[in-house]
C-alpha atoms as a PDB file:
ATOM      1  CA  MET A   1      16.859-106.996   4.497  1.00  0.00           C
ATOM      2  CA  SER A   2      16.828-110.780   4.725  1.00  0.00           C
ATOM      3  CA  GLU A   3      14.338-113.540   4.108  1.00  0.00           C
ATOM      4  CA  ASP A   4      14.425-116.853   5.978  1.00  0.00           C
ATOM      5  CA  SER A   5      12.752-120.140   5.098  1.00  0.00           C
ATOM      6  CA  LEU A   6      13.057-123.851   5.885  1.00  0.00           C
ATOM      7  CA  THR A   7      12.726-126.186   2.898  1.00  0.00           C
ATOM      8  CA  ALA A   8      13.643-129.856   2.499  1.00  0.00           C
ATOM      9  CA  GLY A   9      15.617-129.857   5.725  1.00  0.00           C
ATOM     10  CA  LEU A  10      17.606-126.749   4.764  1.00  0.00           C
ATOM     11  CA  PHE A  11      17.528-123.346   6.374  1.00  0.00           C
ATOM     12  CA  ARG A  12      17.646-120.730   3.608  1.00  0.00           C
ATOM     13  CA  LEU A  13      18.755-117.171   4.259  1.00  0.00           C
ATOM     14  CA  ARG A  14      18.313-114.699   1.382  1.00  0.00           C
ATOM     15  CA  PHE A  15      19.542-111.105   1.483  1.00  0.00           C
ATOM     16  CA  ARG A  16      21.430-108.412  -0.416  1.00  0.00           C
ATOM     17  CA  ALA A  17      25.024-107.573   0.434  1.00  0.00           C
ATOM     18  CA  LEU A  18      28.195-106.524  -1.369  1.00  0.00           C
ATOM     19  CA  GLY A  19      26.015-105.074  -4.119  1.00  0.00           C
ATOM     20  CA  THR A  20      24.509-108.414  -5.091  1.00  0.00           C
ATOM     21  CA  GLN A  21      21.848-111.000  -4.275  1.00  0.00           C
ATOM     22  CA  CYS A  22      23.037-113.565  -1.728  1.00  0.00           C
ATOM     23  CA  GLU A  23      21.834-116.861  -0.320  1.00  0.00           C
ATOM     24  CA  VAL A  24      23.064-119.166   2.442  1.00  0.00           C
ATOM     25  CA  GLN A  25      21.680-122.693   2.777  1.00  0.00           C
ATOM     26  CA  PHE A  26      22.556-124.866   5.764  1.00  0.00           C
ATOM     27  CA  ARG A  27      21.434-127.814   7.866  1.00  0.00           C
ATOM     28  CA  THR A  28      21.348-128.116  11.633  1.00  0.00           C
ATOM     29  CA  GLU A  29      19.077-129.773  14.184  1.00  0.00           C
ATOM     30  CA  GLU A  30      19.730-126.968  16.640  1.00  0.00           C
ATOM     31  CA  VAL A  31      17.456-123.952  16.231  1.00  0.00           C
ATOM     32  CA  THR A  32      19.716-121.901  18.480  1.00  0.00           C
ATOM     33  CA  ALA A  33      22.719-122.694  16.294  1.00  0.00           C
ATOM     34  CA  ALA A  34      20.705-121.739  13.200  1.00  0.00           C
ATOM     35  CA  LYS A  35      19.786-118.363  14.689  1.00  0.00           C
ATOM     36  CA  GLU A  36      23.339-117.703  15.854  1.00  0.00           C
ATOM     37  CA  TYR A  37      24.837-118.606  12.474  1.00  0.00           C
ATOM     38  CA  ARG A  38      22.298-116.413  10.699  1.00  0.00           C
ATOM     39  CA  ALA A  39      23.176-113.484  12.969  1.00  0.00           C
ATOM     40  CA  GLY A  40      26.888-114.169  12.539  1.00  0.00           C
ATOM     41  CA  VAL A  41      26.648-114.169   8.742  1.00  0.00           C
ATOM     42  CA  LEU A  42      24.768-110.880   8.569  1.00  0.00           C
ATOM     43  CA  SER A  43      26.922-109.208  11.230  1.00  0.00           C
ATOM     44  CA  TRP A  44      30.207-110.193   9.601  1.00  0.00           C
ATOM     45  CA  LEU A  45      29.092-109.031   6.153  1.00  0.00           C
ATOM     46  CA  GLN A  46      27.860-105.715   7.525  1.00  0.00           C
ATOM     47  CA  GLY A  47      31.179-105.133   9.261  1.00  0.00           C
ATOM     48  CA  PHE A  48      33.136-106.111   6.155  1.00  0.00           C
ATOM     49  CA  GLU A  49      31.169-103.709   3.966  1.00  0.00           C
ATOM     50  CA  ASN A  50      31.349-100.882   6.480  1.00  0.00           C
ATOM     51  CA  THR A  51      35.127-101.280   6.611  1.00  0.00           C
ATOM     52  CA  TRP A  52      36.118-102.163   3.049  1.00  0.00           C
ATOM     53  CA  SER A  53      33.453-100.859   0.668  1.00  0.00           C
ATOM     54  CA  ARG A  54      34.628 -98.076  -1.644  1.00  0.00           C
ATOM     55  CA  PHE A  55      30.989 -97.018  -1.993  1.00  0.00           C
ATOM     56  CA  LYS A  56      30.700 -96.101   1.704  1.00  0.00           C
ATOM     57  CA  HIS A  57      32.259 -92.688   2.313  1.00  0.00           C
ATOM     58  CA  GLN A  58      32.863 -93.402   6.014  1.00  0.00           C
ATOM     59  CA  SER A  59      34.602 -96.749   5.427  1.00  0.00           C
ATOM     60  CA  LEU A  60      38.230 -97.388   6.326  1.00  0.00           C
ATOM     61  CA  LEU A  61      38.966 -97.995   2.640  1.00  0.00           C
ATOM     62  CA  SER A  62      37.562 -94.588   1.674  1.00  0.00           C
ATOM     63  CA  LYS A  63      39.708 -92.985   4.386  1.00  0.00           C
ATOM     64  CA  ILE A  64      42.850 -94.738   3.124  1.00  0.00           C
ATOM     65  CA  ASN A  65      42.146 -93.575  -0.428  1.00  0.00           C
ATOM     66  CA  ALA A  66      41.290 -90.020   0.604  1.00  0.00           C
ATOM     67  CA  LEU A  67      44.608 -89.704   2.470  1.00  0.00           C
ATOM     68  CA  ALA A  68      46.728 -90.979  -0.434  1.00  0.00           C
ATOM     69  CA  GLY A  69      49.880 -88.877  -0.713  1.00  0.00           C
ATOM     70  CA  LYS A  70      49.133 -87.203   2.634  1.00  0.00           C
ATOM     71  CA  GLU A  71      49.438 -89.517   5.607  1.00  0.00           C
ATOM     72  CA  ALA A  72      49.348 -93.113   6.787  1.00  0.00           C
ATOM     73  CA  VAL A  73      46.238 -94.714   8.273  1.00  0.00           C
ATOM     74  CA  ALA A  74      46.361 -96.895  11.391  1.00  0.00           C
ATOM     75  CA  LEU A  75      45.161-100.484  11.104  1.00  0.00           C
ATOM     76  CA  THR A  76      44.120-103.145  13.575  1.00  0.00           C
ATOM     77  CA  GLU A  77      45.676-106.585  13.230  1.00  0.00           C
ATOM     78  CA  GLU A  78      42.455-107.839  11.602  1.00  0.00           C
ATOM     79  CA  GLN A  79      42.441-104.949   9.134  1.00  0.00           C
ATOM     80  CA  GLU A  80      46.093-105.476   8.263  1.00  0.00           C
ATOM     81  CA  ALA A  81      45.220-109.088   7.385  1.00  0.00           C
ATOM     82  CA  ILE A  82      43.258-107.708   4.427  1.00  0.00           C
ATOM     83  CA  LEU A  83      46.442-106.025   3.179  1.00  0.00           C
ATOM     84  CA  ARG A  84      48.165-109.400   3.350  1.00  0.00           C
ATOM     85  CA  LEU A  85      45.263-110.765   1.311  1.00  0.00           C
ATOM     86  CA  CYS A  86      45.833-108.010  -1.261  1.00  0.00           C
ATOM     87  CA  ASP A  87      49.479-109.019  -1.466  1.00  0.00           C
ATOM     88  CA  ARG A  88      48.637-112.718  -1.824  1.00  0.00           C
ATOM     89  CA  THR A  89      46.144-111.936  -4.571  1.00  0.00           C
ATOM     90  CA  TYR A  90      48.555-109.733  -6.490  1.00  0.00           C
ATOM     91  CA  LYS A  91      51.324-112.326  -6.336  1.00  0.00           C
ATOM     92  CA  GLY A  92      49.010-115.308  -6.835  1.00  0.00           C
ATOM     93  CA  THR A  93      47.659-113.842 -10.080  1.00  0.00           C
ATOM     94  CA  GLU A  94      51.029-112.452 -11.222  1.00  0.00           C
ATOM     95  CA  GLY A  95      49.580-108.934 -11.129  1.00  0.00           C
ATOM     96  CA  LEU A  96      46.462-109.668 -13.181  1.00  0.00           C
ATOM     97  CA  ILE A  97      44.331-108.721 -10.171  1.00  0.00           C
ATOM     98  CA  GLU A  98      45.779-105.427  -8.955  1.00  0.00           C
ATOM     99  CA  PRO A  99      44.535-104.024  -5.616  1.00  0.00           C
ATOM    100  CA  THR A 100      45.450-100.451  -6.712  1.00  0.00           C
ATOM    101  CA  SER A 101      43.567-100.560 -10.038  1.00  0.00           C
ATOM    102  CA  LEU A 102      40.694 -98.338  -8.863  1.00  0.00           C
ATOM    103  CA  PRO A 103      41.974 -95.242 -10.769  1.00  0.00           C
ATOM    104  CA  LEU A 104      41.475 -97.177 -14.017  1.00  0.00           C
ATOM    105  CA  THR A 105      37.987 -98.298 -12.994  1.00  0.00           C
ATOM    106  CA  LEU A 106      36.995 -94.729 -12.112  1.00  0.00           C
ATOM    107  CA  LEU A 107      38.426 -93.379 -15.377  1.00  0.00           C
ATOM    108  CA  TRP A 108      36.448 -95.801 -17.528  1.00  0.00           C
ATOM    109  CA  ASP A 109      33.281 -95.341 -15.450  1.00  0.00           C
ATOM    110  CA  GLN A 110      33.537 -91.559 -15.833  1.00  0.00           C
ATOM    111  CA  SER A 111      34.207 -91.924 -19.563  1.00  0.00           C
ATOM    112  CA  ALA A 112      31.128 -94.132 -19.947  1.00  0.00           C
ATOM    113  CA  ALA A 113      29.026 -91.545 -18.116  1.00  0.00           C
ATOM    114  CA  GLN A 114      30.306 -88.873 -20.518  1.00  0.00           C
ATOM    115  CA  ASN A 115      30.079 -91.230 -23.525  1.00  0.00           C
ATOM    116  CA  VAL A 116      33.702 -90.487 -24.474  1.00  0.00           C
ATOM    117  CA  ILE A 117      36.523 -93.018 -24.798  1.00  0.00           C
ATOM    118  CA  PRO A 118      39.439 -91.945 -22.552  1.00  0.00           C
ATOM    119  CA  SER A 119      42.550 -90.695 -24.305  1.00  0.00           C
ATOM    120  CA  ASP A 120      45.872 -92.528 -24.245  1.00  0.00           C
ATOM    121  CA  GLN A 121      47.228 -89.753 -22.036  1.00  0.00           C
ATOM    122  CA  GLN A 122      44.422 -90.212 -19.501  1.00  0.00           C
ATOM    123  CA  ILE A 123      44.969 -93.970 -19.450  1.00  0.00           C
ATOM    124  CA  ASN A 124      48.724 -93.562 -19.016  1.00  0.00           C
ATOM    125  CA  GLU A 125      48.221 -91.093 -16.165  1.00  0.00           C
ATOM    126  CA  ALA A 126      45.902 -93.556 -14.421  1.00  0.00           C
ATOM    127  CA  LEU A 127      48.349 -96.418 -15.018  1.00  0.00           C
ATOM    128  CA  LYS A 128      51.047 -94.479 -13.141  1.00  0.00           C
ATOM    129  CA  LEU A 129      48.875 -94.809 -10.024  1.00  0.00           C
ATOM    130  CA  VAL A 130      48.411 -98.568 -10.403  1.00  0.00           C
ATOM    131  CA  GLN A 131      51.369 -99.900  -8.437  1.00  0.00           C
ATOM    132  CA  TRP A 132      50.693-102.259  -5.570  1.00  0.00           C
ATOM    133  CA  GLY A 133      54.437-102.585  -5.005  1.00  0.00           C
ATOM    134  CA  ALA A 134      54.616 -98.919  -4.000  1.00  0.00           C
ATOM    135  CA  VAL A 135      52.042 -99.243  -1.218  1.00  0.00           C
ATOM    136  CA  GLN A 136      53.658 -98.952   2.205  1.00  0.00           C
ATOM    137  CA  TRP A 137      51.997-101.243   4.709  1.00  0.00           C
ATOM    138  CA  GLY A 138      52.807-103.231   7.832  1.00  0.00           C
ATOM    139  CA  ASP A 139      53.426-102.522  11.515  1.00  0.00           C
ATOM    140  CA  GLY A 140      49.799-101.497  11.952  1.00  0.00           C
ATOM    141  CA  GLN A 141      49.444 -98.916   9.207  1.00  0.00           C
ATOM    142  CA  VAL A 142      49.089 -98.357   5.447  1.00  0.00           C
ATOM    143  CA  TYR A 143      50.138 -95.457   3.254  1.00  0.00           C
ATOM    144  CA  LEU A 144      49.466 -94.804  -0.427  1.00  0.00           C
ATOM    145  CA  PRO A 145      52.444 -92.633  -1.439  1.00  0.00           C
ATOM    146  CA  GLU A 146      50.930 -90.883  -4.480  1.00  0.00           C
ATOM    147  CA  LYS A 147      47.906 -88.590  -4.527  1.00  0.00           C
ATOM    148  CA  GLY A 148      45.203 -90.267  -6.571  1.00  0.00           C
ATOM    149  CA  MET A 149      46.247 -93.816  -5.693  1.00  0.00           C
ATOM    150  CA  ALA A 150      43.364 -95.934  -4.441  1.00  0.00           C
ATOM    151  CA  LEU A 151      42.727 -99.451  -3.186  1.00  0.00           C
ATOM    152  CA  GLU A 152      39.767-101.653  -3.967  1.00  0.00           C
ATOM    153  CA  LEU A 153      38.824-105.240  -3.159  1.00  0.00           C
ATOM    154  CA  GLY A 154      36.410-105.688  -6.055  1.00  0.00           C
ATOM    155  CA  GLY A 155      38.573-108.274  -7.772  1.00  0.00           C
ATOM    156  CA  PHE A 156      38.552-110.709  -4.850  1.00  0.00           C
ATOM    157  CA  GLY A 157      36.573-109.364  -1.875  1.00  0.00           C
ATOM    158  CA  LYS A 158      33.387-111.305  -2.575  1.00  0.00           C
ATOM    159  CA  GLU A 159      35.258-114.585  -2.966  1.00  0.00           C
ATOM    160  CA  TYR A 160      37.118-113.972   0.284  1.00  0.00           C
ATOM    161  CA  ALA A 161      33.807-113.301   2.035  1.00  0.00           C
ATOM    162  CA  VAL A 162      32.403-116.617   0.778  1.00  0.00           C
ATOM    163  CA  ASP A 163      35.313-118.499   2.333  1.00  0.00           C
ATOM    164  CA  VAL A 164      34.956-116.641   5.631  1.00  0.00           C
ATOM    165  CA  LEU A 165      31.253-117.507   5.906  1.00  0.00           C
ATOM    166  CA  ILE A 166      31.953-121.170   5.144  1.00  0.00           C
ATOM    167  CA  ALA A 167      34.569-121.204   7.929  1.00  0.00           C
ATOM    168  CA  LEU A 168      32.159-119.406  10.262  1.00  0.00           C
ATOM    169  CA  ALA A 169      29.791-122.403  10.123  1.00  0.00           C
ATOM    170  CA  ASP A 170      32.353-124.450  12.076  1.00  0.00           C
ATOM    171  CA  ARG A 171      31.930-122.133  15.055  1.00  0.00           C
ATOM    172  CA  TYR A 172      28.294-123.268  15.344  1.00  0.00           C
ATOM    173  CA  GLU A 173      29.008-126.932  14.492  1.00  0.00           C
ATOM    174  CA  ILE A 174      27.138-126.661  11.200  1.00  0.00           C
ATOM    175  CA  GLY A 175      28.555-129.270   8.846  1.00  0.00           C
ATOM    176  CA  ASP A 176      26.389-128.852   5.752  1.00  0.00           C
ATOM    177  CA  VAL A 177      26.297-125.414   4.140  1.00  0.00           C
ATOM    178  CA  LEU A 178      26.319-123.606   0.814  1.00  0.00           C
ATOM    179  CA  VAL A 179      27.247-119.904   0.682  1.00  0.00           C
ATOM    180  CA  ASP A 180      26.354-118.068  -2.534  1.00  0.00           C
ATOM    181  CA  LEU A 181      27.303-114.398  -2.830  1.00  0.00           C
ATOM    182  CA  GLY A 182      26.285-113.249  -6.290  1.00  0.00           C
ATOM    183  CA  ARG A 183      27.054-116.644  -7.876  1.00  0.00           C
ATOM    184  CA  ASP A 184      30.477-116.931  -6.308  1.00  0.00           C
ATOM    185  CA  LEU A 185      29.963-119.795  -3.910  1.00  0.00           C
ATOM    186  CA  ALA A 186      31.417-122.543  -1.766  1.00  0.00           C
ATOM    187  CA  THR A 187      30.042-125.712  -0.197  1.00  0.00           C
ATOM    188  CA  LYS A 188      30.733-127.820   2.867  1.00  0.00           C
ATOM    189  CA  GLY A 189      29.204-131.206   3.621  1.00  0.00           C
ATOM    190  CA  GLN A 190      26.150-132.241   1.637  1.00  0.00           C
ATOM    191  CA  PRO A 191      22.478-131.309   1.025  1.00  0.00           C
ATOM    192  CA  PRO A 192      19.555-133.378   2.427  1.00  0.00           C
ATOM    193  CA  HIS A 193      18.813-135.525  -0.636  1.00  0.00           C
ATOM    194  CA  GLY A 194      22.158-136.634  -1.988  1.00  0.00           C
ATOM    195  CA  PRO A 195      25.922-136.468  -1.578  1.00  0.00           C
ATOM    196  CA  TYR A 196      26.453-133.451  -3.860  1.00  0.00           C
ATOM    197  CA  TRP A 197      25.299-129.880  -4.187  1.00  0.00           C
ATOM    198  CA  VAL A 198      24.029-129.205  -7.719  1.00  0.00           C
ATOM    199  CA  VAL A 199      24.814-125.780  -9.182  1.00  0.00           C
ATOM    200  CA  GLY A 200      23.844-124.426 -12.587  1.00  0.00           C
ATOM    201  CA  VAL A 201      26.290-122.022 -14.261  1.00  0.00           C
ATOM    202  CA  GLU A 202      24.454-119.492 -16.406  1.00  0.00           C
ATOM    203  CA  ASP A 203      24.877-119.535 -20.171  1.00  0.00           C
ATOM    204  CA  ALA A 204      26.718-116.323 -21.081  1.00  0.00           C
ATOM    205  CA  ARG A 205      24.814-116.151 -24.356  1.00  0.00           C
ATOM    206  CA  GLN A 206      21.321-116.940 -23.085  1.00  0.00           C
ATOM    207  CA  GLU A 207      20.036-115.382 -19.872  1.00  0.00           C
ATOM    208  CA  ASP A 208      18.409-117.626 -17.255  1.00  0.00           C
ATOM    209  CA  ALA A 209      19.609-120.811 -18.976  1.00  0.00           C
ATOM    210  CA  PRO A 210      22.424-123.041 -17.653  1.00  0.00           C
ATOM    211  CA  ALA A 211      25.530-123.651 -19.733  1.00  0.00           C
ATOM    212  CA  LEU A 212      26.459-126.567 -17.463  1.00  0.00           C
ATOM    213  CA  ARG A 213      25.116-128.137 -14.280  1.00  0.00           C
ATOM    214  CA  LEU A 214      27.825-129.204 -11.855  1.00  0.00           C
ATOM    215  CA  ALA A 215      27.572-131.581  -8.881  1.00  0.00           C
ATOM    216  CA  PHE A 216      30.215-131.316  -6.147  1.00  0.00           C
ATOM    217  CA  ALA A 217      30.855-131.227  -2.418  1.00  0.00           C
ATOM    218  CA  ASN A 218      33.443-129.404  -0.310  1.00  0.00           C
ATOM    219  CA  LYS A 219      34.499-127.238  -3.226  1.00  0.00           C
ATOM    220  CA  ALA A 220      33.994-123.666  -4.385  1.00  0.00           C
ATOM    221  CA  LEU A 221      32.936-122.110  -7.677  1.00  0.00           C
ATOM    222  CA  ALA A 222      33.574-118.639  -9.105  1.00  0.00           C
ATOM    223  CA  THR A 223      32.545-117.104 -12.418  1.00  0.00           C
ATOM    224  CA  SER A 224      34.051-113.976 -13.963  1.00  0.00           C
ATOM    225  CA  GLY A 225      33.356-112.274 -17.245  1.00  0.00           C
ATOM    226  CA  ASN A 226      31.987-109.526 -19.415  1.00  0.00           C
ATOM    227  CA  GLY A 227      28.989-111.421 -20.770  1.00  0.00           C
ATOM    228  CA  ARG A 228      26.467-109.452 -18.693  1.00  0.00           C
ATOM    229  CA  ARG A 229      28.432-106.486 -17.321  1.00  0.00           C
ATOM    230  CA  TYR A 230      29.863-103.851 -19.593  1.00  0.00           C
ATOM    231  CA  ARG A 231      30.186-100.140 -20.281  1.00  0.00           C
ATOM    232  CA  LEU A 232      28.591 -98.606 -23.378  1.00  0.00           C
ATOM    233  CA  ILE A 233      30.620 -95.791 -24.988  1.00  0.00           C
ATOM    234  CA  GLY A 234      29.782 -94.439 -28.410  1.00  0.00           C
ATOM    235  CA  GLY A 235      27.585 -97.433 -29.108  1.00  0.00           C
ATOM    236  CA  LYS A 236      30.405 -99.917 -28.396  1.00  0.00           C
ATOM    237  CA  ARG A 237      30.499-102.346 -25.483  1.00  0.00           C
ATOM    238  CA  PHE A 238      33.526-102.293 -23.214  1.00  0.00           C
ATOM    239  CA  GLY A 239      33.699-105.063 -20.618  1.00  0.00           C
ATOM    240  CA  HIS A 240      33.806-104.232 -16.910  1.00  0.00           C
ATOM    241  CA  ILE A 241      37.072-106.181 -16.366  1.00  0.00           C
ATOM    242  CA  ILE A 242      40.100-103.955 -17.000  1.00  0.00           C
ATOM    243  CA  ASP A 243      43.524-105.361 -17.801  1.00  0.00           C
ATOM    244  CA  PRO A 244      45.862-103.594 -15.327  1.00  0.00           C
ATOM    245  CA  ARG A 245      48.779-104.114 -17.694  1.00  0.00           C
ATOM    246  CA  SER A 246      47.305-102.057 -20.546  1.00  0.00           C
ATOM    247  CA  GLY A 247      44.721 -99.915 -18.763  1.00  0.00           C
ATOM    248  CA  HIS A 248      42.062-100.980 -21.277  1.00  0.00           C
ATOM    249  CA  PRO A 249      38.950-103.123 -20.759  1.00  0.00           C
ATOM    250  CA  VAL A 250      39.537-106.734 -21.729  1.00  0.00           C
ATOM    251  CA  GLU A 251      38.689-107.526 -25.337  1.00  0.00           C
ATOM    252  CA  ASN A 252      39.002-111.180 -26.337  1.00  0.00           C
ATOM    253  CA  GLU A 253      36.789-114.155 -27.137  1.00  0.00           C
ATOM    254  CA  VAL A 254      36.118-115.135 -23.507  1.00  0.00           C
ATOM    255  CA  LEU A 255      32.609-114.169 -22.400  1.00  0.00           C
ATOM    256  CA  THR A 256      32.892-115.838 -19.000  1.00  0.00           C
ATOM    257  CA  ALA A 257      35.318-118.107 -17.177  1.00  0.00           C
ATOM    258  CA  THR A 258      34.215-120.456 -14.394  1.00  0.00           C
ATOM    259  CA  CYS A 259      36.588-122.254 -12.036  1.00  0.00           C
ATOM    260  CA  LEU A 260      36.071-125.009  -9.464  1.00  0.00           C
ATOM    261  CA  ALA A 261      38.621-125.109  -6.637  1.00  0.00           C
ATOM    262  CA  SER A 262      39.043-126.025  -2.992  1.00  0.00           C
ATOM    263  CA  ASP A 263      38.210-122.444  -1.940  1.00  0.00           C
ATOM    264  CA  CYS A 264      36.416-119.526  -3.554  1.00  0.00           C
ATOM    265  CA  LEU A 265      39.344-117.129  -3.438  1.00  0.00           C
ATOM    266  CA  THR A 266      41.453-119.465  -5.581  1.00  0.00           C
ATOM    267  CA  ALA A 267      38.548-120.103  -7.958  1.00  0.00           C
ATOM    268  CA  GLY A 268      38.086-116.353  -8.362  1.00  0.00           C
ATOM    269  CA  TRP A 269      41.773-115.710  -8.955  1.00  0.00           C
ATOM    270  CA  PHE A 270      41.864-118.061 -11.906  1.00  0.00           C
ATOM    271  CA  SER A 271      38.450-117.263 -13.376  1.00  0.00           C
ATOM    272  CA  THR A 272      39.362-113.564 -13.540  1.00  0.00           C
ATOM    273  CA  SER A 273      42.872-114.323 -14.801  1.00  0.00           C
ATOM    274  CA  ALA A 274      41.466-116.489 -17.593  1.00  0.00           C
ATOM    275  CA  CYS A 275      39.161-113.668 -18.697  1.00  0.00           C
ATOM    276  CA  ILE A 276      42.136-111.319 -18.974  1.00  0.00           C
ATOM    277  CA  LEU A 277      44.486-113.813 -20.649  1.00  0.00           C
ATOM    278  CA  GLY A 278      42.039-114.999 -23.311  1.00  0.00           C
ATOM    279  CA  VAL A 279      41.051-118.437 -24.562  1.00  0.00           C
ATOM    280  CA  GLU A 280      44.380-120.181 -25.154  1.00  0.00           C
ATOM    281  CA  GLN A 281      46.406-118.784 -22.255  1.00  0.00           C
ATOM    282  CA  GLY A 282      43.390-118.792 -19.930  1.00  0.00           C
ATOM    283  CA  LYS A 283      42.584-122.458 -20.544  1.00  0.00           C
ATOM    284  CA  GLU A 284      46.258-123.375 -20.220  1.00  0.00           C
ATOM    285  CA  LYS A 285      46.467-121.494 -16.912  1.00  0.00           C
ATOM    286  CA  ILE A 286      43.524-123.488 -15.547  1.00  0.00           C
ATOM    287  CA  GLU A 287      44.871-126.817 -16.828  1.00  0.00           C
ATOM    288  CA  CYS A 288      48.237-126.244 -15.140  1.00  0.00           C
ATOM    289  CA  GLN A 289      46.818-125.795 -11.630  1.00  0.00           C
ATOM    290  CA  PHE A 290      46.633-128.746  -9.262  1.00  0.00           C
ATOM    291  CA  GLU A 291      43.063-129.595  -8.141  1.00  0.00           C
ATOM    292  CA  LEU A 292      41.559-126.821 -10.277  1.00  0.00           C
ATOM    293  CA  GLU A 293      39.004-127.355 -13.039  1.00  0.00           C
ATOM    294  CA  GLY A 294      37.059-124.908 -15.140  1.00  0.00           C
ATOM    295  CA  PHE A 295      35.531-123.886 -18.414  1.00  0.00           C
ATOM    296  CA  LEU A 296      35.439-120.873 -20.697  1.00  0.00           C
ATOM    297  CA  GLN A 297      32.405-119.672 -22.606  1.00  0.00           C
ATOM    298  CA  THR A 298      32.890-117.964 -25.958  1.00  0.00           C
ATOM    299  CA  SER A 299      30.281-116.815 -28.460  1.00  0.00           C
ATOM    300  CA  ASP A 300      30.218-120.244 -30.094  1.00  0.00           C
ATOM    301  CA  ALA A 301      31.728-122.789 -27.682  1.00  0.00           C
ATOM    302  CA  VAL A 302      32.150-124.080 -24.140  1.00  0.00           C
ATOM    303  CA  LEU A 303      35.772-125.074 -23.578  1.00  0.00           C
ATOM    304  CA  SER A 304      36.346-127.280 -20.524  1.00  0.00           C
ATOM    305  CA  SER A 305      39.451-128.456 -18.695  1.00  0.00           C
ATOM    306  CA  GLN A 306      40.218-132.140 -18.996  1.00  0.00           C
ATOM    307  CA  GLY A 307      39.024-133.106 -15.530  1.00  0.00           C
ATOM    308  CA  LEU A 308      35.793-131.110 -15.386  1.00  0.00           C
ATOM    309  CA  GLY A 309      33.700-133.904 -16.876  1.00  0.00           C
ATOM    310  CA  LYS A 310      33.458-135.829 -13.600  1.00  0.00           C
ATOM    311  CA  TYR A 311      31.510-132.914 -12.091  1.00  0.00           C
ATOM    312  CA  VAL A 312      29.154-132.288 -15.020  1.00  0.00           C
ATOM    313  CA  LEU A 313      25.588-133.580 -14.802  1.00  0.00           C
ATOM    314  CA  LYS A 314      24.412-135.037 -18.085  1.00  0.00           C
ATOM    315  CA  ASN A 315      20.978-133.985 -19.318  1.00  0.00           C
END
């Protein structure tokens, strides 16, 4: 379902996709272009979900996972591009975002449902299946060599989709657009009443209140963290982000990490990496990246990179 409106010179398209609330804002004088872009956004997202959602039993991703250890699955050139994206993500995050980490996610989800912390043996067995380097792909096919191996795009799929929808606006000569898929977003051009899009980043400690308000154009923003999403086992909270190196949910002082970059995929890579690495290494990782800014929220502080201040709106 979608909801359209026109406010302050902006077309606004609101809908649910990828398991979250989404919104696209854009400007154009051409009604036909507006309708075509709207249709293109919804069509592309539907196709992406139908192909790559692990929650859809008929999806290509579900087929690949079901045939792990049995046989290879044929891919189109467009589908194989997603495997290249998996490889880029794995290498770009030095393995902190692991496309084959689904066995760990399923183990901890099942344990939460049973209210039992998984044993070391169970975690170690799942870790044996987390090995992107073992996946055989290319030449129009993909094969997961071990039964129980499974791919997922949860660590970067939404951010990739944001970037695709921003690029899609060029096809319809739409120069001013903001794409927000569950608070991972990117912008192009400018809004009607000023040179910058203004985005509030939610306070991880206080719901529906902004930690910071940022003003920017032609940049993307991604937020990762355990501040709102977690598993409850035996009365203890375990964050939804799992460290693929240890097999355990991340436990450190970082509640959320937010990164501002030239594209949403890059912003998401480093926001998730910072959550896994913790305060000191996470902040250092952000500081070391060219044209990347960000901030970490802990229970008692907001820790910003040196260059973030030029984007922060003062109250």
